[in-house]
Amino acid sequence: MTIPIFATPEDAEAAFYEALENADLEAMMAVWADDEEIVCVHPGGPRLSGFDRVRDSWRQIFAGGPSMRFHLSGQQYLGGVRLAIHSVHENIVVTGQTKPLSPIVATNIYLLTERGWRMVVHHASPAPGEAAPPDEPMPTVLH
Protein backbone atom coordinates (compact mmCIF):
# COMPACT_ATOMS: atom_id res chain seq x y z
CA MET A 1 0.00 0.00 0.00
CA THR A 2 1.32 3.42 -0.95
CA ILE A 3 1.12 5.76 2.01
CA PRO A 4 -0.93 8.80 1.00
CA ILE A 5 0.16 12.37 1.63
CA PHE A 6 -2.74 14.46 2.90
CA ALA A 7 -2.40 18.03 1.64
CA THR A 8 -4.91 19.44 4.15
CA PRO A 9 -6.39 18.44 7.50
CA GLU A 10 -9.73 18.08 5.70
CA ASP A 11 -8.19 15.51 3.34
CA ALA A 12 -6.93 13.53 6.34
CA GLU A 13 -10.34 13.74 8.01
CA ALA A 14 -12.15 12.54 4.88
CA ALA A 15 -9.74 9.59 4.68
CA PHE A 16 -10.29 8.84 8.39
CA TYR A 17 -14.08 8.57 8.03
CA GLU A 18 -13.80 6.64 4.75
CA ALA A 19 -11.50 4.10 6.44
CA LEU A 20 -13.91 3.92 9.39
CA GLU A 21 -16.91 3.26 7.14
CA ASN A 22 -15.00 0.63 5.15
CA ALA A 23 -13.44 -1.03 8.23
CA ASP A 24 -10.07 -0.67 6.47
CA LEU A 25 -7.31 -0.96 9.07
CA GLU A 26 -4.42 -0.10 6.73
CA ALA A 27 -6.21 2.99 5.40
CA MET A 28 -7.12 3.99 8.96
CA MET A 29 -3.56 3.75 10.22
CA ALA A 30 -2.26 5.66 7.16
CA VAL A 31 -4.19 8.68 8.51
CA TRP A 32 -2.48 8.52 11.91
CA ALA A 33 0.96 9.89 12.70
CA ASP A 34 3.48 7.09 13.17
CA ASP A 35 4.26 8.26 16.67
CA GLU A 36 4.06 6.94 20.22
CA GLU A 37 2.43 10.21 21.35
CA ILE A 38 -0.85 9.67 19.45
CA VAL A 39 -4.03 9.35 21.54
CA CYS A 40 -7.41 7.77 20.79
CA VAL A 41 -10.51 7.67 23.01
CA HIS A 42 -13.48 5.68 21.68
CA PRO A 43 -16.93 6.42 23.18
CA GLY A 44 -17.08 4.87 26.64
CA GLY A 45 -13.51 3.58 26.33
CA PRO A 46 -10.19 4.33 28.02
CA ARG A 47 -7.51 6.66 26.68
CA LEU A 48 -5.20 4.71 24.38
CA SER A 49 -1.71 6.06 23.74
CA GLY A 50 0.83 4.91 21.20
CA PHE A 51 0.65 3.60 17.65
CA ASP A 52 0.36 -0.10 18.56
CA ARG A 53 -2.44 0.39 21.10
CA VAL A 54 -4.40 2.65 18.76
CA ARG A 55 -3.94 0.20 15.87
CA ASP A 56 -5.06 -2.74 18.01
CA SER A 57 -8.23 -0.89 19.06
CA TRP A 58 -9.18 -0.26 15.42
CA ARG A 59 -8.34 -3.86 14.52
CA GLN A 60 -10.82 -5.05 17.17
CA ILE A 61 -13.51 -2.61 16.04
CA PHE A 62 -13.09 -3.57 12.38
CA ALA A 63 -13.15 -7.33 13.05
CA GLY A 64 -16.85 -7.50 12.16
CA GLY A 65 -16.39 -5.71 8.83
CA PRO A 66 -18.04 -2.53 7.60
CA SER A 67 -21.19 -1.72 9.54
CA MET A 68 -21.50 2.06 9.95
CA ARG A 69 -22.16 5.12 7.80
CA PHE A 70 -21.18 8.58 9.02
CA HIS A 71 -22.59 12.01 8.31
CA LEU A 72 -20.69 14.87 9.94
CA SER A 73 -22.45 18.00 11.16
CA GLY A 74 -21.72 20.95 13.41
CA GLN A 75 -18.14 21.15 12.19
CA GLN A 76 -15.94 23.74 13.89
CA TYR A 77 -12.37 24.11 12.71
CA LEU A 78 -9.47 25.85 14.35
CA GLY A 79 -6.23 25.83 12.43
CA GLY A 80 -2.72 27.10 12.46
CA VAL A 81 0.35 26.58 10.35
CA ARG A 82 1.15 23.10 11.71
CA LEU A 83 -1.83 22.16 13.89
CA ALA A 84 -5.56 21.83 13.16
CA ILE A 85 -8.36 21.01 15.59
CA HIS A 86 -11.71 19.79 14.27
CA SER A 87 -14.78 19.44 16.48
CA VAL A 88 -17.60 17.53 14.77
CA HIS A 89 -20.83 15.71 15.46
CA GLU A 90 -20.74 12.17 14.10
CA ASN A 91 -24.21 11.09 13.02
CA ILE A 92 -24.02 7.32 12.67
CA VAL A 93 -26.32 4.82 11.02
CA VAL A 94 -25.54 1.16 11.65
CA THR A 95 -26.10 -1.18 8.70
CA GLY A 96 -29.47 -2.90 9.01
CA GLN A 97 -30.96 -0.20 11.25
CA THR A 98 -33.16 2.62 10.01
CA LYS A 99 -32.80 4.92 13.00
CA PRO A 100 -29.48 6.72 13.52
CA LEU A 101 -27.66 6.30 16.80
CA SER A 102 -27.45 9.21 19.21
CA PRO A 103 -24.87 11.72 17.98
CA ILE A 104 -21.25 11.44 19.00
CA VAL A 105 -19.12 14.52 19.63
CA ALA A 106 -15.60 14.04 18.30
CA THR A 107 -12.46 16.12 18.48
CA ASN A 108 -9.88 15.31 15.83
CA ILE A 109 -6.45 16.92 16.00
CA TYR A 110 -4.10 16.93 13.01
CA LEU A 111 -0.41 17.79 12.82
CA LEU A 112 1.51 18.81 9.72
CA THR A 113 4.39 16.35 9.39
CA GLU A 114 7.04 15.72 6.75
CA ARG A 115 4.50 13.25 5.24
CA GLY A 116 1.59 15.72 5.14
CA TRP A 117 -1.22 16.15 7.65
CA ARG A 118 -1.67 13.27 10.11
CA MET A 119 -4.10 12.62 12.95
CA VAL A 120 -2.57 12.75 16.42
CA VAL A 121 -5.74 12.72 18.56
CA HIS A 122 -9.26 11.33 18.11
CA HIS A 123 -11.52 11.72 21.13
CA ALA A 124 -15.18 10.72 20.76
CA SER A 125 -17.98 10.64 23.30
CA PRO A 126 -21.80 10.66 23.34
CA ALA A 127 -23.31 14.12 22.91
CA PRO A 128 -24.65 15.45 26.24
CA GLY A 129 -28.41 15.21 26.59
CA GLU A 130 -28.64 12.81 23.66
CA ALA A 131 -29.03 9.54 25.56
CA ALA A 132 -30.19 6.46 23.71
CA PRO A 133 -33.81 5.40 24.29
CA PRO A 134 -34.13 2.94 27.22
CA ASP A 135 -35.21 0.06 24.98
CA GLU A 136 -32.15 0.50 22.72
CA PRO A 137 -29.04 0.59 24.91
CA MET A 138 -26.06 2.41 23.43
CA PRO A 139 -23.04 0.18 22.78
CA THR A 140 -20.15 0.99 25.07
CA VAL A 141 -17.71 1.31 22.16
CA LEU A 142 -18.91 2.52 18.76
CA HIS A 143 -15.59 3.15 17.09
C-alpha atoms as a PDB file:
ATOM      1  CA  MET A   1       0.000   0.000   0.000  1.00  0.00           C
ATOM      2  CA  THR A   2       1.317   3.419  -0.948  1.00  0.00           C
ATOM      3  CA  ILE A   3       1.121   5.756   2.013  1.00  0.00           C
ATOM      4  CA  PRO A   4      -0.925   8.802   1.004  1.00  0.00           C
ATOM      5  CA  ILE A   5       0.159  12.367   1.631  1.00  0.00           C
ATOM      6  CA  PHE A   6      -2.743  14.455   2.896  1.00  0.00           C
ATOM      7  CA  ALA A   7      -2.396  18.034   1.644  1.00  0.00           C
ATOM      8  CA  THR A   8      -4.909  19.439   4.146  1.00  0.00           C
ATOM      9  CA  PRO A   9      -6.390  18.437   7.501  1.00  0.00           C
ATOM     10  CA  GLU A  10      -9.731  18.084   5.702  1.00  0.00           C
ATOM     11  CA  ASP A  11      -8.187  15.511   3.340  1.00  0.00           C
ATOM     12  CA  ALA A  12      -6.927  13.533   6.340  1.00  0.00           C
ATOM     13  CA  GLU A  13     -10.337  13.742   8.010  1.00  0.00           C
ATOM     14  CA  ALA A  14     -12.145  12.542   4.882  1.00  0.00           C
ATOM     15  CA  ALA A  15      -9.738   9.588   4.681  1.00  0.00           C
ATOM     16  CA  PHE A  16     -10.291   8.842   8.394  1.00  0.00           C
ATOM     17  CA  TYR A  17     -14.080   8.567   8.025  1.00  0.00           C
ATOM     18  CA  GLU A  18     -13.800   6.640   4.754  1.00  0.00           C
ATOM     19  CA  ALA A  19     -11.502   4.100   6.443  1.00  0.00           C
ATOM     20  CA  LEU A  20     -13.906   3.916   9.388  1.00  0.00           C
ATOM     21  CA  GLU A  21     -16.914   3.264   7.141  1.00  0.00           C
ATOM     22  CA  ASN A  22     -14.998   0.630   5.149  1.00  0.00           C
ATOM     23  CA  ALA A  23     -13.440  -1.026   8.233  1.00  0.00           C
ATOM     24  CA  ASP A  24     -10.070  -0.672   6.471  1.00  0.00           C
ATOM     25  CA  LEU A  25      -7.312  -0.959   9.069  1.00  0.00           C
ATOM     26  CA  GLU A  26      -4.425  -0.097   6.728  1.00  0.00           C
ATOM     27  CA  ALA A  27      -6.213   2.991   5.397  1.00  0.00           C
ATOM     28  CA  MET A  28      -7.122   3.993   8.955  1.00  0.00           C
ATOM     29  CA  MET A  29      -3.560   3.752  10.216  1.00  0.00           C
ATOM     30  CA  ALA A  30      -2.260   5.660   7.161  1.00  0.00           C
ATOM     31  CA  VAL A  31      -4.186   8.679   8.512  1.00  0.00           C
ATOM     32  CA  TRP A  32      -2.479   8.521  11.913  1.00  0.00           C
ATOM     33  CA  ALA A  33       0.961   9.894  12.704  1.00  0.00           C
ATOM     34  CA  ASP A  34       3.484   7.089  13.170  1.00  0.00           C
ATOM     35  CA  ASP A  35       4.260   8.260  16.675  1.00  0.00           C
ATOM     36  CA  GLU A  36       4.056   6.945  20.217  1.00  0.00           C
ATOM     37  CA  GLU A  37       2.435  10.214  21.345  1.00  0.00           C
ATOM     38  CA  ILE A  38      -0.848   9.671  19.453  1.00  0.00           C
ATOM     39  CA  VAL A  39      -4.029   9.347  21.535  1.00  0.00           C
ATOM     40  CA  CYS A  40      -7.406   7.774  20.793  1.00  0.00           C
ATOM     41  CA  VAL A  41     -10.510   7.671  23.006  1.00  0.00           C
ATOM     42  CA  HIS A  42     -13.478   5.683  21.683  1.00  0.00           C
ATOM     43  CA  PRO A  43     -16.934   6.417  23.182  1.00  0.00           C
ATOM     44  CA  GLY A  44     -17.077   4.872  26.636  1.00  0.00           C
ATOM     45  CA  GLY A  45     -13.512   3.581  26.330  1.00  0.00           C
ATOM     46  CA  PRO A  46     -10.195   4.332  28.018  1.00  0.00           C
ATOM     47  CA  ARG A  47      -7.511   6.661  26.683  1.00  0.00           C
ATOM     48  CA  LEU A  48      -5.203   4.713  24.377  1.00  0.00           C
ATOM     49  CA  SER A  49      -1.712   6.057  23.741  1.00  0.00           C
ATOM     50  CA  GLY A  50       0.835   4.907  21.199  1.00  0.00           C
ATOM     51  CA  PHE A  51       0.646   3.597  17.655  1.00  0.00           C
ATOM     52  CA  ASP A  52       0.365  -0.098  18.557  1.00  0.00           C
ATOM     53  CA  ARG A  53      -2.441   0.387  21.102  1.00  0.00           C
ATOM     54  CA  VAL A  54      -4.403   2.649  18.760  1.00  0.00           C
ATOM     55  CA  ARG A  55      -3.937   0.203  15.873  1.00  0.00           C
ATOM     56  CA  ASP A  56      -5.061  -2.743  18.015  1.00  0.00           C
ATOM     57  CA  SER A  57      -8.226  -0.887  19.063  1.00  0.00           C
ATOM     58  CA  TRP A  58      -9.177  -0.257  15.419  1.00  0.00           C
ATOM     59  CA  ARG A  59      -8.344  -3.863  14.524  1.00  0.00           C
ATOM     60  CA  GLN A  60     -10.822  -5.050  17.169  1.00  0.00           C
ATOM     61  CA  ILE A  61     -13.514  -2.611  16.043  1.00  0.00           C
ATOM     62  CA  PHE A  62     -13.093  -3.571  12.377  1.00  0.00           C
ATOM     63  CA  ALA A  63     -13.145  -7.333  13.055  1.00  0.00           C
ATOM     64  CA  GLY A  64     -16.846  -7.501  12.159  1.00  0.00           C
ATOM     65  CA  GLY A  65     -16.388  -5.709   8.834  1.00  0.00           C
ATOM     66  CA  PRO A  66     -18.041  -2.528   7.598  1.00  0.00           C
ATOM     67  CA  SER A  67     -21.191  -1.718   9.542  1.00  0.00           C
ATOM     68  CA  MET A  68     -21.497   2.063   9.954  1.00  0.00           C
ATOM     69  CA  ARG A  69     -22.158   5.116   7.804  1.00  0.00           C
ATOM     70  CA  PHE A  70     -21.181   8.584   9.017  1.00  0.00           C
ATOM     71  CA  HIS A  71     -22.591  12.014   8.307  1.00  0.00           C
ATOM     72  CA  LEU A  72     -20.693  14.869   9.940  1.00  0.00           C
ATOM     73  CA  SER A  73     -22.449  17.997  11.155  1.00  0.00           C
ATOM     74  CA  GLY A  74     -21.722  20.948  13.410  1.00  0.00           C
ATOM     75  CA  GLN A  75     -18.139  21.153  12.189  1.00  0.00           C
ATOM     76  CA  GLN A  76     -15.945  23.739  13.893  1.00  0.00           C
ATOM     77  CA  TYR A  77     -12.373  24.114  12.705  1.00  0.00           C
ATOM     78  CA  LEU A  78      -9.468  25.847  14.355  1.00  0.00           C
ATOM     79  CA  GLY A  79      -6.233  25.828  12.426  1.00  0.00           C
ATOM     80  CA  GLY A  80      -2.716  27.101  12.462  1.00  0.00           C
ATOM     81  CA  VAL A  81       0.353  26.576  10.350  1.00  0.00           C
ATOM     82  CA  ARG A  82       1.147  23.099  11.714  1.00  0.00           C
ATOM     83  CA  LEU A  83      -1.826  22.161  13.890  1.00  0.00           C
ATOM     84  CA  ALA A  84      -5.561  21.832  13.163  1.00  0.00           C
ATOM     85  CA  ILE A  85      -8.363  21.012  15.590  1.00  0.00           C
ATOM     86  CA  HIS A  86     -11.712  19.792  14.274  1.00  0.00           C
ATOM     87  CA  SER A  87     -14.777  19.437  16.478  1.00  0.00           C
ATOM     88  CA  VAL A  88     -17.600  17.531  14.765  1.00  0.00           C
ATOM     89  CA  HIS A  89     -20.827  15.706  15.464  1.00  0.00           C
ATOM     90  CA  GLU A  90     -20.744  12.169  14.102  1.00  0.00           C
ATOM     91  CA  ASN A  91     -24.210  11.093  13.018  1.00  0.00           C
ATOM     92  CA  ILE A  92     -24.019   7.322  12.673  1.00  0.00           C
ATOM     93  CA  VAL A  93     -26.321   4.821  11.018  1.00  0.00           C
ATOM     94  CA  VAL A  94     -25.545   1.158  11.649  1.00  0.00           C
ATOM     95  CA  THR A  95     -26.100  -1.179   8.699  1.00  0.00           C
ATOM     96  CA  GLY A  96     -29.466  -2.898   9.007  1.00  0.00           C
ATOM     97  CA  GLN A  97     -30.956  -0.201  11.249  1.00  0.00           C
ATOM     98  CA  THR A  98     -33.158   2.621  10.009  1.00  0.00           C
ATOM     99  CA  LYS A  99     -32.801   4.923  12.999  1.00  0.00           C
ATOM    100  CA  PRO A 100     -29.480   6.721  13.516  1.00  0.00           C
ATOM    101  CA  LEU A 101     -27.656   6.299  16.801  1.00  0.00           C
ATOM    102  CA  SER A 102     -27.447   9.207  19.207  1.00  0.00           C
ATOM    103  CA  PRO A 103     -24.865  11.719  17.977  1.00  0.00           C
ATOM    104  CA  ILE A 104     -21.248  11.441  19.000  1.00  0.00           C
ATOM    105  CA  VAL A 105     -19.117  14.521  19.631  1.00  0.00           C
ATOM    106  CA  ALA A 106     -15.597  14.042  18.302  1.00  0.00           C
ATOM    107  CA  THR A 107     -12.460  16.120  18.480  1.00  0.00           C
ATOM    108  CA  ASN A 108      -9.877  15.305  15.826  1.00  0.00           C
ATOM    109  CA  ILE A 109      -6.449  16.918  15.996  1.00  0.00           C
ATOM    110  CA  TYR A 110      -4.100  16.933  13.011  1.00  0.00           C
ATOM    111  CA  LEU A 111      -0.407  17.790  12.821  1.00  0.00           C
ATOM    112  CA  LEU A 112       1.510  18.810   9.717  1.00  0.00           C
ATOM    113  CA  THR A 113       4.391  16.347   9.391  1.00  0.00           C
ATOM    114  CA  GLU A 114       7.039  15.718   6.751  1.00  0.00           C
ATOM    115  CA  ARG A 115       4.505  13.252   5.242  1.00  0.00           C
ATOM    116  CA  GLY A 116       1.592  15.718   5.144  1.00  0.00           C
ATOM    117  CA  TRP A 117      -1.219  16.147   7.652  1.00  0.00           C
ATOM    118  CA  ARG A 118      -1.670  13.269  10.107  1.00  0.00           C
ATOM    119  CA  MET A 119      -4.100  12.618  12.949  1.00  0.00           C
ATOM    120  CA  VAL A 120      -2.570  12.754  16.418  1.00  0.00           C
ATOM    121  CA  VAL A 121      -5.743  12.720  18.562  1.00  0.00           C
ATOM    122  CA  HIS A 122      -9.258  11.334  18.106  1.00  0.00           C
ATOM    123  CA  HIS A 123     -11.515  11.721  21.133  1.00  0.00           C
ATOM    124  CA  ALA A 124     -15.175  10.716  20.762  1.00  0.00           C
ATOM    125  CA  SER A 125     -17.984  10.639  23.304  1.00  0.00           C
ATOM    126  CA  PRO A 126     -21.796  10.661  23.336  1.00  0.00           C
ATOM    127  CA  ALA A 127     -23.305  14.123  22.907  1.00  0.00           C
ATOM    128  CA  PRO A 128     -24.647  15.451  26.237  1.00  0.00           C
ATOM    129  CA  GLY A 129     -28.408  15.211  26.585  1.00  0.00           C
ATOM    130  CA  GLU A 130     -28.641  12.807  23.664  1.00  0.00           C
ATOM    131  CA  ALA A 131     -29.025   9.543  25.558  1.00  0.00           C
ATOM    132  CA  ALA A 132     -30.185   6.462  23.709  1.00  0.00           C
ATOM    133  CA  PRO A 133     -33.808   5.395  24.294  1.00  0.00           C
ATOM    134  CA  PRO A 134     -34.127   2.944  27.224  1.00  0.00           C
ATOM    135  CA  ASP A 135     -35.213   0.058  24.985  1.00  0.00           C
ATOM    136  CA  GLU A 136     -32.154   0.501  22.716  1.00  0.00           C
ATOM    137  CA  PRO A 137     -29.040   0.585  24.914  1.00  0.00           C
ATOM    138  CA  MET A 138     -26.057   2.413  23.432  1.00  0.00           C
ATOM    139  CA  PRO A 139     -23.043   0.181  22.783  1.00  0.00           C
ATOM    140  CA  THR A 140     -20.146   0.992  25.075  1.00  0.00           C
ATOM    141  CA  VAL A 141     -17.710   1.309  22.159  1.00  0.00           C
ATOM    142  CA  LEU A 142     -18.914   2.522  18.764  1.00  0.00           C
ATOM    143  CA  HIS A 143     -15.594   3.153  17.086  1.00  0.00           C
END
